[in-house]
Amino acid sequence: MNLETRLSASLVLGLAIASSGCSGKGDAVTAAQHEGWENVRVTSSSYFLDWTCADGEKAYEIEGKNARGKTSTATVCCGYTNMKGCTIRYD
């Protein structure tokens, strides 16, 4: 591979990573709302030593009204980037 091709590939990779962004509390709330939750709020979050989510995921504890209309809590696991998305783990 010549130098120009390597530089182009590096630039494309860098732009892809930069545009993917990092997941945050808003992503956790949005994931819960897409599952029918209302009045969702993040009560805590952890990035390390969380046993609910897989390695490479952030854990967000949420509270709100679930899809059945009952006040509930759950954990939303989101990847470190927006590319992976979020998954709700029910208590």
PDB file of N, CA and C in Angstrom:
ATOM      1  N   MET A   1       0.850  -1.174   0.000  1.00  0.00           N
ATOM      2  CA  MET A   1       0.000   0.000   0.000  1.00  0.00           C
ATOM      3  C   MET A   1       0.900   1.242   0.000  1.00  0.00           C
ATOM      4  N   ASN A   2       0.599   2.185  -0.861  1.00  0.00           N
ATOM      5  CA  ASN A   2       1.436   3.379  -0.897  1.00  0.00           C
ATOM      6  C   ASN A   2       1.030   4.366   0.196  1.00  0.00           C
ATOM      7  N   LEU A   3       1.834   5.364   0.405  1.00  0.00           N
ATOM      8  CA  LEU A   3       1.630   6.337   1.476  1.00  0.00           C
ATOM      9  C   LEU A   3       0.306   7.083   1.316  1.00  0.00           C
ATOM     10  N   GLU A   4      -0.043   7.442   0.103  1.00  0.00           N
ATOM     11  CA  GLU A   4      -1.290   8.177  -0.138  1.00  0.00           C
ATOM     12  C   GLU A   4      -2.506   7.333   0.245  1.00  0.00           C
ATOM     13  N   THR A   5      -2.495   6.063  -0.091  1.00  0.00           N
ATOM     14  CA  THR A   5      -3.595   5.165   0.252  1.00  0.00           C
ATOM     15  C   THR A   5      -3.697   4.995   1.764  1.00  0.00           C
ATOM     16  N   ARG A   6      -2.565   4.863   2.433  1.00  0.00           N
ATOM     17  CA  ARG A   6      -2.564   4.721   3.888  1.00  0.00           C
ATOM     18  C   ARG A   6      -3.123   5.969   4.567  1.00  0.00           C
ATOM     19  N   LEU A   7      -2.702   7.130   4.086  1.00  0.00           N
ATOM     20  CA  LEU A   7      -3.205   8.375   4.663  1.00  0.00           C
ATOM     21  C   LEU A   7      -4.710   8.520   4.447  1.00  0.00           C
ATOM     22  N   SER A   8      -5.174   8.160   3.261  1.00  0.00           N
ATOM     23  CA  SER A   8      -6.616   8.226   2.974  1.00  0.00           C
ATOM     24  C   SER A   8      -7.393   7.279   3.877  1.00  0.00           C
ATOM     25  N   ALA A   9      -6.882   6.065   4.035  1.00  0.00           N
ATOM     26  CA  ALA A   9      -7.547   5.086   4.894  1.00  0.00           C
ATOM     27  C   ALA A   9      -7.572   5.567   6.340  1.00  0.00           C
ATOM     28  N   SER A  10      -6.489   6.146   6.809  1.00  0.00           N
ATOM     29  CA  SER A  10      -6.430   6.666   8.179  1.00  0.00           C
ATOM     30  C   SER A  10      -7.419   7.807   8.377  1.00  0.00           C
ATOM     31  N   LEU A  11      -7.520   8.683   7.383  1.00  0.00           N
ATOM     32  CA  LEU A  11      -8.454   9.804   7.464  1.00  0.00           C
ATOM     33  C   LEU A  11      -9.890   9.311   7.526  1.00  0.00           C
ATOM     34  N   VAL A  12     -10.235   8.349   6.679  1.00  0.00           N
ATOM     35  CA  VAL A  12     -11.593   7.793   6.671  1.00  0.00           C
ATOM     36  C   VAL A  12     -11.912   7.135   8.008  1.00  0.00           C
ATOM     37  N   LEU A  13     -10.984   6.357   8.538  1.00  0.00           N
ATOM     38  CA  LEU A  13     -11.192   5.709   9.833  1.00  0.00           C
ATOM     39  C   LEU A  13     -11.358   6.742  10.933  1.00  0.00           C
ATOM     40  N   GLY A  14     -10.513   7.760  10.940  1.00  0.00           N
ATOM     41  CA  GLY A  14     -10.611   8.811  11.951  1.00  0.00           C
ATOM     42  C   GLY A  14     -11.944   9.536  11.894  1.00  0.00           C
ATOM     43  N   LEU A  15     -12.417   9.833  10.706  1.00  0.00           N
ATOM     44  CA  LEU A  15     -13.720  10.504  10.561  1.00  0.00           C
ATOM     45  C   LEU A  15     -14.863   9.606  11.007  1.00  0.00           C
ATOM     46  N   ALA A  16     -14.767   8.323  10.716  1.00  0.00           N
ATOM     47  CA  ALA A  16     -15.819   7.390  11.144  1.00  0.00           C
ATOM     48  C   ALA A  16     -15.895   7.308  12.662  1.00  0.00           C
ATOM     49  N   ILE A  17     -14.753   7.242  13.311  1.00  0.00           N
ATOM     50  CA  ILE A  17     -14.725   7.178  14.776  1.00  0.00           C
ATOM     51  C   ILE A  17     -15.227   8.476  15.378  1.00  0.00           C
ATOM     52  N   ALA A  18     -14.799   9.599  14.831  1.00  0.00           N
ATOM     53  CA  ALA A  18     -15.206  10.901  15.364  1.00  0.00           C
ATOM     54  C   ALA A  18     -16.690  11.145  15.195  1.00  0.00           C
ATOM     55  N   SER A  19     -17.268  10.683  14.105  1.00  0.00           N
ATOM     56  CA  SER A  19     -18.689  10.935  13.863  1.00  0.00           C
ATOM     57  C   SER A  19     -19.593   9.970  14.620  1.00  0.00           C
ATOM     58  N   SER A  20     -19.033   8.870  15.129  1.00  0.00           N
ATOM     59  CA  SER A  20     -19.874   7.908  15.846  1.00  0.00           C
ATOM     60  C   SER A  20     -20.281   8.442  17.211  1.00  0.00           C
ATOM     61  N   GLY A  21     -19.456   9.253  17.836  1.00  0.00           N
ATOM     62  CA  GLY A  21     -19.786   9.850  19.128  1.00  0.00           C
ATOM     63  C   GLY A  21     -19.788   8.840  20.255  1.00  0.00           C
ATOM     64  N   CYS A  22     -19.879   9.351  21.451  1.00  0.00           N
ATOM     65  CA  CYS A  22     -19.948   8.514  22.644  1.00  0.00           C
ATOM     66  C   CYS A  22     -21.384   8.479  23.137  1.00  0.00           C
ATOM     67  N   SER A  23     -21.783   7.341  23.675  1.00  0.00           N
ATOM     68  CA  SER A  23     -23.132   7.259  24.220  1.00  0.00           C
ATOM     69  C   SER A  23     -23.174   7.994  25.555  1.00  0.00           C
ATOM     70  N   GLY A  24     -24.351   8.438  25.928  1.00  0.00           N
ATOM     71  CA  GLY A  24     -24.512   9.177  27.171  1.00  0.00           C
ATOM     72  C   GLY A  24     -25.888   8.944  27.783  1.00  0.00           C
ATOM     73  N   LYS A  25     -26.191   9.722  28.802  1.00  0.00           N
ATOM     74  CA  LYS A  25     -27.461   9.575  29.507  1.00  0.00           C
ATOM     75  C   LYS A  25     -28.651   9.739  28.571  1.00  0.00           C
ATOM     76  N   GLY A  26     -28.539  10.665  27.637  1.00  0.00           N
ATOM     77  CA  GLY A  26     -29.631  10.887  26.686  1.00  0.00           C
ATOM     78  C   GLY A  26     -29.942   9.659  25.860  1.00  0.00           C
ATOM     79  N   ASP A  27     -28.907   8.901  25.501  1.00  0.00           N
ATOM     80  CA  ASP A  27     -29.113   7.668  24.736  1.00  0.00           C
ATOM     81  C   ASP A  27     -29.859   6.629  25.566  1.00  0.00           C
ATOM     82  N   ALA A  28     -29.552   6.564  26.855  1.00  0.00           N
ATOM     83  CA  ALA A  28     -30.236   5.623  27.748  1.00  0.00           C
ATOM     84  C   ALA A  28     -31.710   5.988  27.877  1.00  0.00           C
ATOM     85  N   VAL A  29     -31.982   7.271  28.035  1.00  0.00           N
ATOM     86  CA  VAL A  29     -33.372   7.733  28.150  1.00  0.00           C
ATOM     87  C   VAL A  29     -34.128   7.449  26.858  1.00  0.00           C
ATOM     88  N   THR A  30     -33.508   7.752  25.726  1.00  0.00           N
ATOM     89  CA  THR A  30     -34.153   7.508  24.428  1.00  0.00           C
ATOM     90  C   THR A  30     -34.448   6.032  24.220  1.00  0.00           C
ATOM     91  N   ALA A  31     -33.519   5.160  24.588  1.00  0.00           N
ATOM     92  CA  ALA A  31     -33.739   3.712  24.452  1.00  0.00           C
ATOM     93  C   ALA A  31     -34.947   3.271  25.268  1.00  0.00           C
ATOM     94  N   ALA A  32     -35.061   3.784  26.489  1.00  0.00           N
ATOM     95  CA  ALA A  32     -36.204   3.429  27.341  1.00  0.00           C
ATOM     96  C   ALA A  32     -37.507   3.969  26.751  1.00  0.00           C
ATOM     97  N   GLN A  33     -37.481   5.180  26.247  1.00  0.00           N
ATOM     98  CA  GLN A  33     -38.684   5.762  25.651  1.00  0.00           C
ATOM     99  C   GLN A  33     -39.129   4.978  24.423  1.00  0.00           C
ATOM    100  N   HIS A  34     -38.188   4.462  23.657  1.00  0.00           N
ATOM    101  CA  HIS A  34     -38.533   3.651  22.484  1.00  0.00           C
ATOM    102  C   HIS A  34     -39.197   2.340  22.890  1.00  0.00           C
ATOM    103  N   GLU A  35     -38.973   1.906  24.125  1.00  0.00           N
ATOM    104  CA  GLU A  35     -39.601   0.685  24.639  1.00  0.00           C
ATOM    105  C   GLU A  35     -40.907   0.984  25.390  1.00  0.00           C
ATOM    106  N   GLY A  36     -41.360   2.232  25.315  1.00  0.00           N
ATOM    107  CA  GLY A  36     -42.642   2.578  25.915  1.00  0.00           C
ATOM    108  C   GLY A  36     -42.575   3.191  27.302  1.00  0.00           C
ATOM    109  N   TRP A  37     -41.375   3.450  27.807  1.00  0.00           N
ATOM    110  CA  TRP A  37     -41.233   4.067  29.122  1.00  0.00           C
ATOM    111  C   TRP A  37     -41.586   5.547  29.040  1.00  0.00           C
ATOM    112  N   GLU A  38     -42.098   6.094  30.141  1.00  0.00           N
ATOM    113  CA  GLU A  38     -42.405   7.523  30.243  1.00  0.00           C
ATOM    114  C   GLU A  38     -41.762   8.081  31.503  1.00  0.00           C
ATOM    115  N   ASN A  39     -41.582   9.390  31.512  1.00  0.00           N
ATOM    116  CA  ASN A  39     -41.000  10.092  32.670  1.00  0.00           C
ATOM    117  C   ASN A  39     -39.691   9.435  33.122  1.00  0.00           C
ATOM    118  N   VAL A  40     -38.846   9.109  32.174  1.00  0.00           N
ATOM    119  CA  VAL A  40     -37.596   8.401  32.454  1.00  0.00           C
ATOM    120  C   VAL A  40     -36.537   9.383  32.943  1.00  0.00           C
ATOM    121  N   ARG A  41     -35.810   8.961  33.970  1.00  0.00           N
ATOM    122  CA  ARG A  41     -34.655   9.734  34.418  1.00  0.00           C
ATOM    123  C   ARG A  41     -33.551   8.765  34.814  1.00  0.00           C
ATOM    124  N   VAL A  42     -32.334   9.194  34.581  1.00  0.00           N
ATOM    125  CA  VAL A  42     -31.161   8.392  34.958  1.00  0.00           C
ATOM    126  C   VAL A  42     -30.846   8.715  36.408  1.00  0.00           C
ATOM    127  N   THR A  43     -30.798   7.680  37.241  1.00  0.00           N
ATOM    128  CA  THR A  43     -30.526   7.889  38.667  1.00  0.00           C
ATOM    129  C   THR A  43     -29.049   7.692  39.000  1.00  0.00           C
ATOM    130  N   SER A  44     -28.328   6.908  38.209  1.00  0.00           N
ATOM    131  CA  SER A  44     -26.883   6.743  38.399  1.00  0.00           C
ATOM    132  C   SER A  44     -26.300   6.094  37.159  1.00  0.00           C
ATOM    133  N   SER A  45     -24.989   6.165  37.052  1.00  0.00           N
ATOM    134  CA  SER A  45     -24.315   5.517  35.932  1.00  0.00           C
ATOM    135  C   SER A  45     -22.965   4.996  36.406  1.00  0.00           C
ATOM    136  N   SER A  46     -22.483   3.978  35.721  1.00  0.00           N
ATOM    137  CA  SER A  46     -21.161   3.451  36.050  1.00  0.00           C
ATOM    138  C   SER A  46     -20.494   2.966  34.777  1.00  0.00           C
ATOM    139  N   TYR A  47     -19.187   3.104  34.749  1.00  0.00           N
ATOM    140  CA  TYR A  47     -18.410   2.704  33.587  1.00  0.00           C
ATOM    141  C   TYR A  47     -17.528   1.510  33.895  1.00  0.00           C
ATOM    142  N   PHE A  48     -17.234   1.299  35.157  1.00  0.00           N
ATOM    143  CA  PHE A  48     -16.339   0.214  35.557  1.00  0.00           C
ATOM    144  C   PHE A  48     -16.996  -0.584  36.682  1.00  0.00           C
ATOM    145  N   LEU A  49     -16.608  -1.821  36.804  1.00  0.00           N
ATOM    146  CA  LEU A  49     -17.072  -2.695  37.889  1.00  0.00           C
ATOM    147  C   LEU A  49     -18.586  -2.807  37.954  1.00  0.00           C
ATOM    148  N   ASP A  50     -19.215  -2.890  36.787  1.00  0.00           N
ATOM    149  CA  ASP A  50     -20.660  -3.112  36.737  1.00  0.00           C
ATOM    150  C   ASP A  50     -20.885  -4.549  36.272  1.00  0.00           C
ATOM    151  N   TRP A  51     -21.677  -5.291  37.017  1.00  0.00           N
ATOM    152  CA  TRP A  51     -21.866  -6.709  36.718  1.00  0.00           C
ATOM    153  C   TRP A  51     -23.093  -6.967  35.858  1.00  0.00           C
ATOM    154  N   THR A  52     -23.896  -5.938  35.580  1.00  0.00           N
ATOM    155  CA  THR A  52     -25.102  -6.116  34.778  1.00  0.00           C
ATOM    156  C   THR A  52     -24.798  -6.085  33.286  1.00  0.00           C
ATOM    157  N   CYS A  53     -23.942  -5.176  32.865  1.00  0.00           N
ATOM    158  CA  CYS A  53     -23.637  -4.991  31.447  1.00  0.00           C
ATOM    159  C   CYS A  53     -22.362  -5.739  31.062  1.00  0.00           C
ATOM    160  N   ALA A  54     -22.217  -5.953  29.778  1.00  0.00           N
ATOM    161  CA  ALA A  54     -21.021  -6.637  29.263  1.00  0.00           C
ATOM    162  C   ALA A  54     -19.823  -5.703  29.281  1.00  0.00           C
ATOM    163  N   ASP A  55     -18.644  -6.284  29.137  1.00  0.00           N
ATOM    164  CA  ASP A  55     -17.438  -5.459  29.019  1.00  0.00           C
ATOM    165  C   ASP A  55     -17.602  -4.522  27.829  1.00  0.00           C
ATOM    166  N   GLY A  56     -17.124  -3.318  27.974  1.00  0.00           N
ATOM    167  CA  GLY A  56     -17.218  -2.354  26.890  1.00  0.00           C
ATOM    168  C   GLY A  56     -18.545  -1.635  26.831  1.00  0.00           C
ATOM    169  N   GLU A  57     -19.336  -1.727  27.890  1.00  0.00           N
ATOM    170  CA  GLU A  57     -20.622  -1.034  27.940  1.00  0.00           C
ATOM    171  C   GLU A  57     -20.695  -0.156  29.184  1.00  0.00           C
ATOM    172  N   LYS A  58     -21.440   0.927  29.077  1.00  0.00           N
ATOM    173  CA  LYS A  58     -21.734   1.790  30.218  1.00  0.00           C
ATOM    174  C   LYS A  58     -23.083   1.370  30.774  1.00  0.00           C
ATOM    175  N   ALA A  59     -23.235   1.442  32.085  1.00  0.00           N
ATOM    176  CA  ALA A  59     -24.500   1.084  32.726  1.00  0.00           C
ATOM    177  C   ALA A  59     -25.177   2.345  33.251  1.00  0.00           C
ATOM    178  N   TYR A  60     -26.448   2.510  32.912  1.00  0.00           N
ATOM    179  CA  TYR A  60     -27.249   3.630  33.402  1.00  0.00           C
ATOM    180  C   TYR A  60     -28.455   3.070  34.143  1.00  0.00           C
ATOM    181  N   GLU A  61     -28.560   3.392  35.421  1.00  0.00           N
ATOM    182  CA  GLU A  61     -29.739   3.003  36.194  1.00  0.00           C
ATOM    183  C   GLU A  61     -30.830   4.021  35.880  1.00  0.00           C
ATOM    184  N   ILE A  62     -32.002   3.531  35.491  1.00  0.00           N
ATOM    185  CA  ILE A  62     -33.107   4.435  35.177  1.00  0.00           C
ATOM    186  C   ILE A  62     -34.306   4.158  36.067  1.00  0.00           C
ATOM    187  N   GLU A  63     -35.174   5.142  36.119  1.00  0.00           N
ATOM    188  CA  GLU A  63     -36.419   5.017  36.869  1.00  0.00           C
ATOM    189  C   GLU A  63     -37.481   5.750  36.064  1.00  0.00           C
ATOM    190  N   GLY A  64     -38.677   5.229  36.058  1.00  0.00           N
ATOM    191  CA  GLY A  64     -39.764   5.854  35.325  1.00  0.00           C
ATOM    192  C   GLY A  64     -40.962   4.929  35.275  1.00  0.00           C
ATOM    193  N   LYS A  65     -41.897   5.280  34.420  1.00  0.00           N
ATOM    194  CA  LYS A  65     -43.100   4.473  34.251  1.00  0.00           C
ATOM    195  C   LYS A  65     -42.867   3.551  33.056  1.00  0.00           C
ATOM    196  N   ASN A  66     -42.892   2.229  33.315  1.00  0.00           N
ATOM    197  CA  ASN A  66     -42.601   1.281  32.237  1.00  0.00           C
ATOM    198  C   ASN A  66     -43.778   1.182  31.260  1.00  0.00           C
ATOM    199  N   ALA A  67     -43.646   0.344  30.254  1.00  0.00           N
ATOM    200  CA  ALA A  67     -44.674   0.209  29.217  1.00  0.00           C
ATOM    201  C   ALA A  67     -46.007  -0.284  29.768  1.00  0.00           C
ATOM    202  N   ARG A  68     -45.995  -0.919  30.929  1.00  0.00           N
ATOM    203  CA  ARG A  68     -47.237  -1.381  31.559  1.00  0.00           C
ATOM    204  C   ARG A  68     -47.880  -0.313  32.435  1.00  0.00           C
ATOM    205  N   GLY A  69     -47.223   0.852  32.532  1.00  0.00           N
ATOM    206  CA  GLY A  69     -47.759   1.954  33.313  1.00  0.00           C
ATOM    207  C   GLY A  69     -47.388   1.920  34.784  1.00  0.00           C
ATOM    208  N   LYS A  70     -46.459   1.052  35.167  1.00  0.00           N
ATOM    209  CA  LYS A  70     -46.048   0.941  36.566  1.00  0.00           C
ATOM    210  C   LYS A  70     -44.691   1.605  36.767  1.00  0.00           C
ATOM    211  N   THR A  71     -44.536   2.279  37.899  1.00  0.00           N
ATOM    212  CA  THR A  71     -43.241   2.863  38.234  1.00  0.00           C
ATOM    213  C   THR A  71     -42.252   1.730  38.453  1.00  0.00           C
ATOM    214  N   SER A  72     -41.109   1.836  37.804  1.00  0.00           N
ATOM    215  CA  SER A  72     -40.154   0.733  37.814  1.00  0.00           C
ATOM    216  C   SER A  72     -38.737   1.267  37.664  1.00  0.00           C
ATOM    217  N   THR A  73     -37.776   0.375  37.849  1.00  0.00           N
ATOM    218  CA  THR A  73     -36.368   0.681  37.616  1.00  0.00           C
ATOM    219  C   THR A  73     -35.797  -0.372  36.680  1.00  0.00           C
ATOM    220  N   ALA A  74     -34.711  -0.028  36.013  1.00  0.00           N
ATOM    221  CA  ALA A  74     -34.026  -0.958  35.118  1.00  0.00           C
ATOM    222  C   ALA A  74     -32.617  -0.428  34.892  1.00  0.00           C
ATOM    223  N   THR A  75     -31.812  -1.230  34.246  1.00  0.00           N
ATOM    224  CA  THR A  75     -30.472  -0.823  33.851  1.00  0.00           C
ATOM    225  C   THR A  75     -30.432  -0.779  32.336  1.00  0.00           C
ATOM    226  N   VAL A  76     -29.921   0.310  31.797  1.00  0.00           N
ATOM    227  CA  VAL A  76     -29.739   0.428  30.355  1.00  0.00           C
ATOM    228  C   VAL A  76     -28.240   0.315  30.085  1.00  0.00           C
ATOM    229  N   CYS A  77     -27.873  -0.645  29.249  1.00  0.00           N
ATOM    230  CA  CYS A  77     -26.475  -0.868  28.891  1.00  0.00           C
ATOM    231  C   CYS A  77     -26.243  -0.289  27.501  1.00  0.00           C
ATOM    232  N   CYS A  78     -25.281   0.624  27.409  1.00  0.00           N
ATOM    233  CA  CYS A  78     -24.965   1.270  26.134  1.00  0.00           C
ATOM    234  C   CYS A  78     -23.495   1.062  25.819  1.00  0.00           C
ATOM    235  N   GLY A  79     -23.199   0.864  24.553  1.00  0.00           N
ATOM    236  CA  GLY A  79     -21.814   0.775  24.133  1.00  0.00           C
ATOM    237  C   GLY A  79     -21.123   2.114  24.321  1.00  0.00           C
ATOM    238  N   TYR A  80     -19.808   2.097  24.374  1.00  0.00           N
ATOM    239  CA  TYR A  80     -19.062   3.336  24.560  1.00  0.00           C
ATOM    240  C   TYR A  80     -19.238   4.286  23.390  1.00  0.00           C
ATOM    241  N   THR A  81     -19.602   3.767  22.212  1.00  0.00           N
ATOM    242  CA  THR A  81     -19.898   4.631  21.075  1.00  0.00           C
ATOM    243  C   THR A  81     -21.353   4.400  20.666  1.00  0.00           C
ATOM    244  N   ASN A  82     -21.880   5.310  19.892  1.00  0.00           N
ATOM    245  CA  ASN A  82     -23.266   5.196  19.431  1.00  0.00           C
ATOM    246  C   ASN A  82     -23.452   4.083  18.411  1.00  0.00           C
ATOM    247  N   MET A  83     -22.379   3.491  17.945  1.00  0.00           N
ATOM    248  CA  MET A  83     -22.478   2.446  16.935  1.00  0.00           C
ATOM    249  C   MET A  83     -23.127   1.177  17.485  1.00  0.00           C
ATOM    250  N   LYS A  84     -22.948   0.892  18.769  1.00  0.00           N
ATOM    251  CA  LYS A  84     -23.473  -0.339  19.352  1.00  0.00           C
ATOM    252  C   LYS A  84     -24.934  -0.209  19.761  1.00  0.00           C
ATOM    253  N   GLY A  85     -25.344   0.949  20.243  1.00  0.00           N
ATOM    254  CA  GLY A  85     -26.708   1.122  20.705  1.00  0.00           C
ATOM    255  C   GLY A  85     -26.864   0.739  22.167  1.00  0.00           C
ATOM    256  N   CYS A  86     -28.109   0.673  22.619  1.00  0.00           N
ATOM    257  CA  CYS A  86     -28.402   0.422  24.041  1.00  0.00           C
ATOM    258  C   CYS A  86     -29.384  -0.742  24.182  1.00  0.00           C
ATOM    259  N   THR A  87     -29.294  -1.421  25.310  1.00  0.00           N
ATOM    260  CA  THR A  87     -30.175  -2.536  25.639  1.00  0.00           C
ATOM    261  C   THR A  87     -30.677  -2.342  27.060  1.00  0.00           C
ATOM    262  N   ILE A  88     -31.961  -2.602  27.292  1.00  0.00           N
ATOM    263  CA  ILE A  88     -32.534  -2.463  28.640  1.00  0.00           C
ATOM    264  C   ILE A  88     -32.468  -3.814  29.342  1.00  0.00           C
ATOM    265  N   ARG A  89     -31.947  -3.813  30.551  1.00  0.00           N
ATOM    266  CA  ARG A  89     -31.907  -5.003  31.417  1.00  0.00           C
ATOM    267  C   ARG A  89     -32.862  -4.735  32.565  1.00  0.00           C
ATOM    268  N   TYR A  90     -33.890  -5.541  32.642  1.00  0.00           N
ATOM    269  CA  TYR A  90     -34.896  -5.329  33.694  1.00  0.00           C
ATOM    270  C   TYR A  90     -34.478  -5.963  35.000  1.00  0.00           C
ATOM    271  N   ASP A  91     -34.805  -5.289  36.095  1.00  0.00           N
ATOM    272  CA  ASP A  91     -34.481  -5.783  37.442  1.00  0.00           C
ATOM    273  C   ASP A  91     -35.346  -6.971  37.795  1.00  0.00           C
TER     274      ASP A  91
END
